């Protein structure tokens, strides 16, 4: 059987999905901001502006107690200037931002029109149709500032997201951000653009989430800058084999996400989902090197040559494979080839399809009452049929759970061979189509039906076949449901 080959092809990253709002950050240090109104809501917005370094001009005939207290607290710092009168149009000229807590829609419209005429972005509190920008929910680790917006649709959800983020970002992150700012000029001067700089900052970030910066950290960071500067531009790149899991991006490990975020180039397979690729660094070049049984595929020699060429140019290469790279992913020969050429190789394991199928079926592949071992077997050879060197007598062991990968077109022959060697025709069988993906479907039958029916994949969906007594309860439940 001859399968046409194809060349690796560069793919553009997915376009940015539509945004309800554009997140931006204003630098208000030393700039004039206008707040119209003396309410508690206006006081909160005035406090935010002052915290951002703005000189806040407050226009109000009367102030609530909260606002009075805020002005007394901030008066000595010069953050607030109070004007005991209603605002007028000229007050908005040359302001960086303008905020109003309007009494009614009439004042809101008047304020919004005046701000537009003055060229000042305006926010009218709790009146979205008069706003040119909105305030999001804030997580403050300044100089790290995280803003969360739901575009006014669900403020409570925004607060819940903020609480989640608060638990993820330690308070000492601010100290690391300040240290990063102090190092930036040195890094720009000492380290070449591209891989050396990114390698430094990634190592820096690894420290930032564990503990506050200490004296030994600063010394080690300085040593890392000098080490990378000495390595220069001629340093050899690296290749990381990363398991993308069975499809759902939520199956990715944290280490896999970090590798995708650090990559210069990503070589990915056909079965890697768009959701997984969306987690990669957007600047990374993406090259499709798909290998599919029965379809036009990239030759392994071409993939090997591409990895060598890219790593030789000091690139960080991620070889992104569906499932686990060490399970039927030809990782062994890629690792041997790269090491023979002096290229450093790392492996990030992924969730293999057999594990995803077991989870989807809620079945233990090693249930103590039904199985003493698990076997992962390829369901086809490079020529398209069954491999010639499988030990079929051993595979017919009724005390084992056997998972056939890529067995959609050979399932009938697999079943007939096992039955001929004594495995009971009633042995439970589970078939998973596109397991772990949005088009996942599961079927439970017995070995006799697998032998007599065609279960070839539709539309190129990958197929996994599980054979063994562990699938019995699932099959019985399916038959009861059907009845």
Protein backbone atom coordinates (compact mmCIF):
# COMPACT_ATOMS: atom_id res chain seq x y z
CA UNK A 1 0.00 0.00 0.00
CA UNK A 2 1.58 3.28 -1.10
CA UNK A 3 0.84 6.42 0.89
CA UNK A 4 1.77 9.78 -0.62
CA UNK A 5 4.15 11.92 1.36
CA UNK A 6 3.80 15.62 2.01
CA UNK A 7 6.14 18.35 3.09
CA UNK A 8 6.02 20.12 6.46
CA UNK A 9 3.91 23.26 6.09
CA UNK A 10 4.00 26.44 8.14
CA UNK A 11 0.67 27.38 9.71
CA UNK A 12 -0.41 30.81 10.90
CA UNK A 13 -1.61 31.04 14.48
CA UNK A 14 -5.36 31.35 14.98
CA UNK A 15 -6.65 34.89 14.76
CA UNK A 16 -7.66 36.60 17.98
CA UNK A 17 -11.25 35.75 18.86
CA UNK A 18 -13.64 38.75 19.11
CA UNK A 19 -13.18 40.87 22.24
CA UNK A 20 -16.12 42.44 24.07
CA UNK A 21 -13.77 45.23 25.20
CA UNK A 22 -10.13 46.12 24.63
CA UNK A 23 -8.06 45.86 27.83
CA UNK A 24 -5.71 48.84 28.11
CA UNK A 25 -3.72 50.39 30.95
CA UNK A 26 -3.44 54.15 31.42
CA UNK A 27 -0.28 55.73 32.84
CA UNK A 28 -1.76 58.51 35.00
CA UNK A 29 1.32 59.42 37.02
CA UNK A 30 1.32 63.20 37.53
CA UNK A 31 -1.59 63.71 35.12
CA UNK A 32 -4.84 65.56 35.80
CA UNK A 33 -8.00 63.54 36.34
CA UNK A 34 -11.50 64.94 36.89
CA UNK A 35 -14.14 63.43 39.18
CA UNK A 36 -17.60 65.02 39.16
CA UNK A 37 -19.80 64.17 42.12
CA UNK A 38 -19.42 63.76 45.85
CA UNK A 39 -20.93 60.30 46.37
CA UNK A 40 -19.34 57.17 47.81
CA UNK A 41 -19.15 55.67 44.32
CA UNK A 42 -17.32 58.76 43.06
CA UNK A 43 -15.00 58.57 46.09
CA UNK A 44 -14.01 55.00 45.20
CA UNK A 45 -13.17 56.00 41.62
CA UNK A 46 -11.22 59.02 42.90
CA UNK A 47 -9.21 56.75 45.20
CA UNK A 48 -8.34 54.46 42.28
CA UNK A 49 -7.16 57.42 40.20
CA UNK A 50 -5.04 58.78 43.04
CA UNK A 51 -3.54 55.33 43.65
CA UNK A 52 -2.50 55.38 39.98
CA UNK A 53 -0.55 58.60 40.54
CA UNK A 54 -3.08 61.07 39.12
CA UNK A 55 -3.76 64.52 40.54
CA UNK A 56 -7.51 64.26 41.06
CA UNK A 57 -9.67 67.38 40.69
CA UNK A 58 -12.96 66.80 42.51
CA UNK A 59 -15.97 68.93 41.49
CA UNK A 60 -18.85 68.67 43.96
CA UNK A 61 -21.02 71.07 45.97
CA UNK A 62 -21.42 68.53 48.78
CA UNK A 63 -19.42 65.44 49.79
CA UNK A 64 -20.47 62.26 51.55
CA UNK A 65 -18.64 61.25 54.74
CA UNK A 66 -16.57 58.69 52.83
CA UNK A 67 -15.36 61.34 50.39
CA UNK A 68 -14.65 63.85 53.19
CA UNK A 69 -12.49 61.26 54.96
CA UNK A 70 -10.67 60.38 51.72
CA UNK A 71 -9.82 64.03 51.03
CA UNK A 72 -8.51 64.54 54.56
CA UNK A 73 -6.30 61.44 54.18
CA UNK A 74 -4.93 62.47 50.77
CA UNK A 75 -4.70 66.22 51.20
CA UNK A 76 -1.17 66.16 52.57
CA UNK A 77 0.06 64.15 49.59
CA UNK A 78 -1.46 66.59 47.14
CA UNK A 79 -3.39 63.84 45.35
CA UNK A 80 -6.73 65.67 45.52
CA UNK A 81 -7.83 69.21 44.70
CA UNK A 82 -11.40 70.04 45.76
CA UNK A 83 -13.61 72.51 43.86
CA UNK A 84 -16.80 73.21 45.84
CA UNK A 85 -18.99 73.67 42.79
CA UNK A 86 -20.61 71.77 39.96
CA UNK A 87 -18.38 70.91 37.02
CA UNK A 88 -18.37 72.93 33.80
CA UNK A 89 -17.16 72.03 30.31
CA UNK A 90 -13.85 73.89 30.64
CA UNK A 91 -12.94 71.71 33.66
CA UNK A 92 -12.46 68.76 31.31
CA UNK A 93 -9.90 70.42 29.03
CA UNK A 94 -6.46 68.73 29.10
CA UNK A 95 -7.63 66.05 31.54
CA UNK A 96 -6.30 62.50 31.11
CA UNK A 97 -9.59 60.91 32.21
CA UNK A 98 -12.93 62.15 33.47
CA UNK A 99 -15.39 60.39 35.84
CA UNK A 100 -18.92 61.46 36.74
CA UNK A 101 -21.56 60.12 39.11
CA UNK A 102 -24.50 61.76 37.35
CA UNK A 103 -27.84 62.44 39.03
CA UNK A 104 -29.82 61.47 35.91
CA UNK A 105 -29.46 60.61 32.23
CA UNK A 106 -29.58 64.28 31.33
CA UNK A 107 -26.43 65.08 33.29
CA UNK A 108 -24.83 61.84 32.09
CA UNK A 109 -25.37 62.79 28.44
CA UNK A 110 -24.14 66.32 29.06
CA UNK A 111 -20.95 65.06 30.72
CA UNK A 112 -20.29 62.48 28.01
CA UNK A 113 -20.73 65.10 25.26
CA UNK A 114 -18.43 67.55 27.04
CA UNK A 115 -15.75 64.90 27.47
CA UNK A 116 -15.97 63.91 23.82
CA UNK A 117 -15.65 67.55 22.76
CA UNK A 118 -12.57 67.90 24.96
CA UNK A 119 -11.07 64.63 23.65
CA UNK A 120 -11.07 63.04 27.11
CA UNK A 121 -12.03 59.41 27.78
CA UNK A 122 -15.00 59.43 30.14
CA UNK A 123 -16.80 57.06 32.49
CA UNK A 124 -20.25 57.80 33.88
CA UNK A 125 -20.71 55.52 36.88
CA UNK A 126 -23.33 52.77 36.42
CA UNK A 127 -24.49 54.21 33.09
CA UNK A 128 -22.65 52.08 30.47
CA UNK A 129 -24.15 53.75 27.39
CA UNK A 130 -22.47 57.02 28.35
CA UNK A 131 -19.05 55.42 28.99
CA UNK A 132 -16.05 55.36 26.69
CA UNK A 133 -14.22 52.98 29.04
CA UNK A 134 -15.05 50.80 32.02
CA UNK A 135 -13.32 49.97 35.28
CA UNK A 136 -12.51 46.28 35.68
CA UNK A 137 -12.02 44.25 38.82
CA UNK A 138 -8.42 44.70 39.98
CA UNK A 139 -5.80 42.37 41.40
CA UNK A 140 -3.02 44.60 42.74
CA UNK A 141 0.54 43.32 42.88
CA UNK A 142 1.89 46.60 41.59
CA UNK A 143 3.82 47.01 39.38
CA UNK A 144 1.95 43.85 38.35
CA UNK A 145 -1.69 44.85 37.88
CA UNK A 146 -4.37 42.45 36.65
CA UNK A 147 -7.69 43.80 35.38
CA UNK A 148 -10.75 41.59 34.90
CA UNK A 149 -13.73 42.72 32.84
CA UNK A 150 -17.01 41.04 31.96
CA UNK A 151 -18.05 44.07 29.83
CA UNK A 152 -20.76 44.79 32.39
CA UNK A 153 -22.49 41.46 31.76
CA UNK A 154 -21.70 39.74 35.07
CA UNK A 155 -19.89 41.83 37.71
CA UNK A 156 -20.30 39.06 40.29
CA UNK A 157 -18.46 36.67 37.96
CA UNK A 158 -15.68 39.24 37.63
CA UNK A 159 -15.35 39.35 41.42
CA UNK A 160 -15.20 35.55 41.58
CA UNK A 161 -12.46 35.48 38.94
CA UNK A 162 -10.53 38.11 40.89
CA UNK A 163 -10.68 35.95 44.03
CA UNK A 164 -9.32 32.98 42.08
CA UNK A 165 -6.46 35.04 40.69
CA UNK A 166 -5.71 36.47 44.14
CA UNK A 167 -5.01 32.94 45.39
CA UNK A 168 -2.64 32.26 42.48
CA UNK A 169 -0.51 35.41 42.72
CA UNK A 170 1.53 35.60 45.94
CA UNK A 171 1.87 39.05 47.55
CA UNK A 172 5.68 38.95 47.13
CA UNK A 173 5.21 38.93 43.34
CA UNK A 174 5.39 42.73 43.55
CA UNK A 175 8.98 42.54 44.84
CA UNK A 176 9.98 40.28 41.94
CA UNK A 177 8.39 42.69 39.45
CA UNK A 178 10.37 45.57 40.93
CA UNK A 179 13.55 43.49 40.73
CA UNK A 180 12.78 42.71 37.07
CA UNK A 181 12.44 46.41 36.35
CA UNK A 182 15.83 47.11 37.91
CA UNK A 183 17.46 44.33 35.83
CA UNK A 184 15.93 45.20 32.47
CA UNK A 185 18.63 47.63 31.34
CA UNK A 186 21.42 45.18 32.25
CA UNK A 187 19.69 42.31 30.45
CA UNK A 188 19.14 44.46 27.34
CA UNK A 189 22.83 45.41 27.35
CA UNK A 190 24.37 42.03 28.13
CA UNK A 191 22.11 39.48 26.42
CA UNK A 192 21.38 39.15 22.72
CA UNK A 193 17.75 39.39 21.57
CA UNK A 194 15.82 36.17 21.10
CA UNK A 195 16.69 32.91 22.84
CA UNK A 196 19.29 34.19 25.39
CA UNK A 197 17.02 36.91 26.75
CA UNK A 198 13.97 34.71 26.84
CA UNK A 199 15.92 31.93 28.56
CA UNK A 200 16.96 34.40 31.25
CA UNK A 201 13.45 35.76 31.85
CA UNK A 202 11.90 32.29 31.96
CA UNK A 203 14.41 31.21 34.60
CA UNK A 204 13.68 34.45 36.45
CA UNK A 205 9.93 33.79 36.40
CA UNK A 206 10.46 30.27 37.77
CA UNK A 207 11.82 31.83 40.95
CA UNK A 208 9.10 34.46 41.28
CA UNK A 209 6.29 32.18 42.45
CA UNK A 210 8.14 30.31 45.20
CA UNK A 211 9.42 32.83 47.78
CA UNK A 212 10.30 36.52 48.15
CA UNK A 213 13.60 37.52 46.50
CA UNK A 214 16.56 37.00 48.83
CA UNK A 215 20.23 37.92 48.67
CA UNK A 216 21.29 34.56 47.23
CA UNK A 217 18.65 34.92 44.48
CA UNK A 218 20.12 38.22 43.34
CA UNK A 219 23.64 36.75 43.24
CA UNK A 220 22.49 33.70 41.29
CA UNK A 221 20.53 35.88 38.85
CA UNK A 222 23.61 38.02 38.19
CA UNK A 223 25.60 34.83 37.56
CA UNK A 224 22.94 33.60 35.13
CA UNK A 225 23.19 36.83 33.12
CA UNK A 226 26.95 36.41 32.81
CA UNK A 227 26.64 32.73 31.89
CA UNK A 228 24.17 33.46 29.12
CA UNK A 229 26.22 36.42 27.92
CA UNK A 230 29.28 34.16 27.68
CA UNK A 231 27.33 31.55 25.73
CA UNK A 232 26.58 34.21 23.11
CA UNK A 233 24.51 33.73 20.01
CA UNK A 234 26.19 30.54 18.91
CA UNK A 235 24.61 28.34 21.57
CA UNK A 236 22.84 25.22 20.31
CA UNK A 237 19.07 25.09 20.48
CA UNK A 238 16.99 22.45 22.20
CA UNK A 239 14.15 20.12 21.27
CA UNK A 240 11.35 19.22 23.68
CA UNK A 241 9.01 16.36 22.88
CA UNK A 242 5.66 17.35 24.36
CA UNK A 243 2.56 15.20 24.81
CA UNK A 244 -0.53 17.14 23.72
CA UNK A 245 -2.91 14.59 25.22
CA UNK A 246 -5.90 13.15 23.39
CA UNK A 247 -7.41 16.47 22.28
CA UNK A 248 -8.93 18.51 25.10
CA UNK A 249 -6.54 21.31 26.07
CA UNK A 250 -7.46 20.80 29.74
CA UNK A 251 -5.62 17.46 29.64
CA UNK A 252 -2.30 19.32 29.16
CA UNK A 253 0.17 19.31 32.03
CA UNK A 254 1.48 22.59 33.44
CA UNK A 255 4.93 21.65 32.18
CA UNK A 256 3.55 21.19 28.66
CA UNK A 257 1.98 24.66 28.74
CA UNK A 258 5.26 26.16 29.89
CA UNK A 259 7.10 24.46 27.04
CA UNK A 260 4.59 25.82 24.52
CA UNK A 261 4.97 29.31 26.00
CA UNK A 262 8.77 29.12 25.66
CA UNK A 263 8.95 27.73 22.12
CA UNK A 264 10.43 29.49 19.10
CA UNK A 265 9.07 26.85 16.73
CA UNK A 266 6.35 24.20 17.19
CA UNK A 267 6.24 21.11 14.99
CA UNK A 268 2.79 19.62 15.50
CA UNK A 269 0.80 16.60 14.36
CA UNK A 270 -2.57 16.50 12.57
CA UNK A 271 -4.43 15.33 15.67
CA UNK A 272 -3.26 18.23 17.88
CA UNK A 273 -6.32 20.41 18.51
CA UNK A 274 -6.57 24.14 17.89
CA UNK A 275 -7.35 24.62 21.60
CA UNK A 276 -3.94 23.18 22.49
CA UNK A 277 -2.14 25.38 19.95
CA UNK A 278 -3.97 28.42 21.33
CA UNK A 279 -1.93 28.01 24.53
CA UNK A 280 1.36 28.44 22.65
CA UNK A 281 3.37 31.64 22.49
CA UNK A 282 1.74 33.64 19.69
CA UNK A 283 5.13 34.64 18.24
CA UNK A 284 6.17 31.00 17.85
CA UNK A 285 6.36 29.65 14.29
CA UNK A 286 3.98 26.70 13.82
CA UNK A 287 4.76 23.96 11.31
CA UNK A 288 2.39 21.09 10.57
CA UNK A 289 4.27 17.80 10.25
CA UNK A 290 1.27 15.48 10.34
CA UNK A 291 1.65 11.71 10.11
CA UNK A 292 -1.64 9.85 9.63
CA UNK A 293 -2.23 6.21 8.81
CA UNK A 294 -3.73 5.81 5.34
CA UNK A 295 -3.29 9.50 4.50
CA UNK A 296 -0.62 11.72 2.98
CA UNK A 297 2.01 12.17 5.70
CA UNK A 298 5.28 13.96 6.27
CA UNK A 299 8.27 11.63 6.02
CA UNK A 300 10.11 11.02 9.27
CA UNK A 301 13.40 11.90 7.57
CA UNK A 302 12.01 15.34 6.67
CA UNK A 303 10.86 15.90 10.25
CA UNK A 304 14.26 14.85 11.60
CA UNK A 305 16.07 17.19 9.20
CA UNK A 306 13.80 20.07 10.16
CA UNK A 307 14.41 19.56 13.90
CA UNK A 308 18.17 19.46 13.33
CA UNK A 309 18.13 22.59 11.17
CA UNK A 310 16.05 24.61 13.64
CA UNK A 311 17.99 23.49 16.73
CA UNK A 312 21.22 24.30 14.88
CA UNK A 313 19.99 27.89 14.60
CA UNK A 314 19.67 28.17 18.40
CA UNK A 315 15.90 27.73 18.28
CA UNK A 316 13.81 26.25 21.06
CA UNK A 317 11.85 23.58 19.23
CA UNK A 318 8.76 21.84 20.59
CA UNK A 319 7.80 18.60 18.85
CA UNK A 320 4.12 18.46 19.81
CA UNK A 321 2.62 14.98 19.57
CA UNK A 322 -0.92 13.81 20.18
CA UNK A 323 -1.32 11.73 23.34
CA UNK A 324 1.96 10.76 24.99
CA UNK A 325 5.09 11.12 22.83
CA UNK A 326 6.52 7.87 24.24
CA UNK A 327 3.50 5.77 23.22
CA UNK A 328 3.52 4.98 19.48
CA UNK A 329 4.95 8.43 18.76
CA UNK A 330 8.32 7.37 17.27
CA UNK A 331 9.94 9.35 20.06
CA UNK A 332 12.72 6.80 20.50
CA UNK A 333 14.21 7.27 17.05
CA UNK A 334 13.84 11.06 17.24
CA UNK A 335 15.65 11.16 20.59
CA UNK A 336 18.44 8.92 19.31
CA UNK A 337 18.87 11.04 16.17
CA UNK A 338 19.01 14.33 18.09
CA UNK A 339 21.44 13.04 20.69
CA UNK A 340 23.68 11.66 17.95
CA UNK A 341 23.98 15.24 16.66
CA UNK A 342 24.59 16.75 20.10
CA UNK A 343 21.14 18.35 20.48
CA UNK A 344 19.71 18.50 24.00
CA UNK A 345 16.34 16.74 24.27
CA UNK A 346 13.66 16.92 26.97
CA UNK A 347 10.42 14.96 27.17
CA UNK A 348 7.15 16.19 28.65
CA UNK A 349 4.73 13.27 28.99
CA UNK A 350 1.07 13.58 28.04
CA UNK A 351 -2.12 11.69 28.77
CA UNK A 352 -2.24 8.75 26.38
CA UNK A 353 -5.49 7.85 24.61
CA UNK A 354 -5.91 4.62 26.62
CA UNK A 355 -6.06 6.60 29.86
CA UNK A 356 -8.50 9.09 28.34
CA UNK A 357 -10.76 6.24 27.20
CA UNK A 358 -10.68 4.63 30.65
CA UNK A 359 -11.63 7.96 32.22
CA UNK A 360 -14.45 8.57 29.71
CA UNK A 361 -15.87 5.09 30.41
CA UNK A 362 -15.19 5.31 34.17
CA UNK A 363 -13.46 1.94 33.87
CA UNK A 364 -10.29 0.81 35.64
CA UNK A 365 -8.04 -0.91 33.12
CA UNK A 366 -6.45 -2.92 35.95
CA UNK A 367 -9.56 -3.80 37.98
CA UNK A 368 -8.33 -6.45 40.42
CA UNK A 369 -11.30 -8.74 39.73
CA UNK A 370 -10.82 -8.75 35.97
CA UNK A 371 -7.26 -7.98 34.82
CA UNK A 372 -3.71 -8.75 35.88
CA UNK A 373 -2.02 -6.62 33.18
CA UNK A 374 -2.57 -3.95 30.53
CA UNK A 375 -1.12 -4.12 27.04
CA UNK A 376 -0.88 -1.27 24.54
CA UNK A 377 -0.65 -2.63 21.01
CA UNK A 378 -0.45 -0.96 17.60
CA UNK A 379 -3.38 -1.89 15.39
CA UNK A 380 -1.66 -1.37 12.04
CA UNK A 381 1.75 -1.49 10.43
CA UNK A 382 3.41 1.03 8.17
CA UNK A 383 1.86 -0.84 5.23
CA UNK A 384 -1.68 -0.36 6.53
CA UNK A 385 -2.48 -3.93 7.67
CA UNK A 386 -1.84 -5.66 10.98
CA UNK A 387 1.78 -5.96 12.10
CA UNK A 388 3.35 -9.30 11.20
CA UNK A 389 5.26 -9.78 14.43
CA UNK A 390 2.53 -9.63 17.09
CA UNK A 391 2.32 -12.54 19.55
CA UNK A 392 -1.37 -13.28 19.01
CA UNK A 393 -1.42 -16.23 21.39
CA UNK A 394 -0.24 -13.97 24.22
CA UNK A 395 -2.77 -11.29 23.20
CA UNK A 396 -5.59 -13.81 23.56
CA UNK A 397 -4.99 -13.96 27.33
CA UNK A 398 -8.42 -13.46 29.00
CA UNK A 399 -6.83 -12.10 32.18
CA UNK A 400 -5.35 -9.05 30.41
CA UNK A 401 -6.77 -5.76 29.19
CA UNK A 402 -5.54 -5.04 25.67
CA UNK A 403 -5.79 -1.63 24.01
CA UNK A 404 -5.30 -1.48 20.26
CA UNK A 405 -4.22 1.93 18.96
CA UNK A 406 -5.05 2.92 15.37
CA UNK A 407 -7.14 -0.21 14.90
CA UNK A 408 -10.21 1.20 13.19
CA UNK A 409 -9.62 -0.49 9.84
CA UNK A 410 -8.24 -3.71 11.29
CA UNK A 411 -10.69 -4.25 14.16
CA UNK A 412 -12.55 -7.09 12.46
CA UNK A 413 -9.37 -9.02 11.71
CA UNK A 414 -8.10 -8.43 15.26
CA UNK A 415 -11.28 -9.93 16.70
CA UNK A 416 -11.27 -12.95 14.36
CA UNK A 417 -7.66 -13.81 15.20
CA UNK A 418 -8.31 -13.58 18.94
CA UNK A 419 -11.44 -15.77 18.68
CA UNK A 420 -9.54 -18.35 16.61
CA UNK A 421 -6.96 -18.55 19.42
CA UNK A 422 -9.57 -19.21 22.10
CA UNK A 423 -10.67 -15.80 23.43
CA UNK A 424 -14.40 -16.03 24.11
CA UNK A 425 -16.64 -14.33 21.49
CA UNK A 426 -18.57 -12.71 24.36
CA UNK A 427 -15.48 -10.89 25.66
CA UNK A 428 -16.44 -7.24 26.22
CA UNK A 429 -15.08 -4.64 23.80
CA UNK A 430 -15.02 -0.85 24.06
CA UNK A 431 -14.46 1.35 21.01
CA UNK A 432 -13.61 5.03 21.40
CA UNK A 433 -13.83 7.41 18.45
CA UNK A 434 -11.89 10.72 18.76
CA UNK A 435 -11.52 10.17 22.50
CA UNK A 436 -10.82 13.30 24.52
CA UNK A 437 -12.07 15.61 21.77
CA UNK A 438 -15.34 17.47 21.13
CA UNK A 439 -16.51 14.73 18.71
CA UNK A 440 -15.82 11.89 21.14
CA UNK A 441 -18.16 8.89 20.94
CA UNK A 442 -18.02 5.58 22.82
CA UNK A 443 -19.39 2.18 21.90
CA UNK A 444 -19.47 -1.03 23.96
CA UNK A 445 -20.03 -4.37 22.18
CA UNK A 446 -18.52 -7.86 22.35
CA UNK A 447 -15.74 -9.56 20.42
CA UNK A 448 -18.17 -11.38 18.11
CA UNK A 449 -19.75 -8.10 16.95
CA UNK A 450 -16.31 -6.58 16.43
CA UNK A 451 -15.47 -9.55 14.18
CA UNK A 452 -18.66 -9.30 12.11
CA UNK A 453 -19.30 -5.54 11.85
CA UNK A 454 -17.40 -2.70 10.22
CA UNK A 455 -16.27 -0.10 12.75
CA UNK A 456 -13.96 1.88 10.49
CA UNK A 457 -13.58 5.52 11.54
CA UNK A 458 -15.71 8.19 9.91
CA UNK A 459 -14.17 11.43 8.64
CA UNK A 460 -10.69 10.34 9.67
CA UNK A 461 -11.47 10.18 13.40
CA UNK A 462 -8.88 8.17 15.37
CA UNK A 463 -10.14 4.90 16.82
CA UNK A 464 -9.11 3.06 19.97
CA UNK A 465 -10.25 -0.51 20.69
CA UNK A 466 -10.21 -1.94 24.22
CA UNK A 467 -10.68 -5.67 24.76
CA UNK A 468 -11.08 -7.35 28.15
CA UNK A 469 -13.36 -8.23 31.03
CA UNK A 470 -12.87 -4.80 32.64
CA UNK A 471 -15.31 -3.39 30.07
CA UNK A 472 -18.02 -5.86 31.04
CA UNK A 473 -19.96 -3.68 33.47
CA UNK A 474 -19.98 -0.82 30.97
CA UNK A 475 -21.24 -3.15 28.22
CA UNK A 476 -23.95 -4.57 30.50
CA UNK A 477 -25.09 -1.06 31.43
CA UNK A 478 -25.24 -0.10 27.75
CA UNK A 479 -27.35 -3.18 26.91
CA UNK A 480 -29.73 -2.45 29.80
CA UNK A 481 -30.09 1.16 28.65
CA UNK A 482 -30.78 0.05 25.08
CA UNK A 483 -33.43 -2.42 26.29
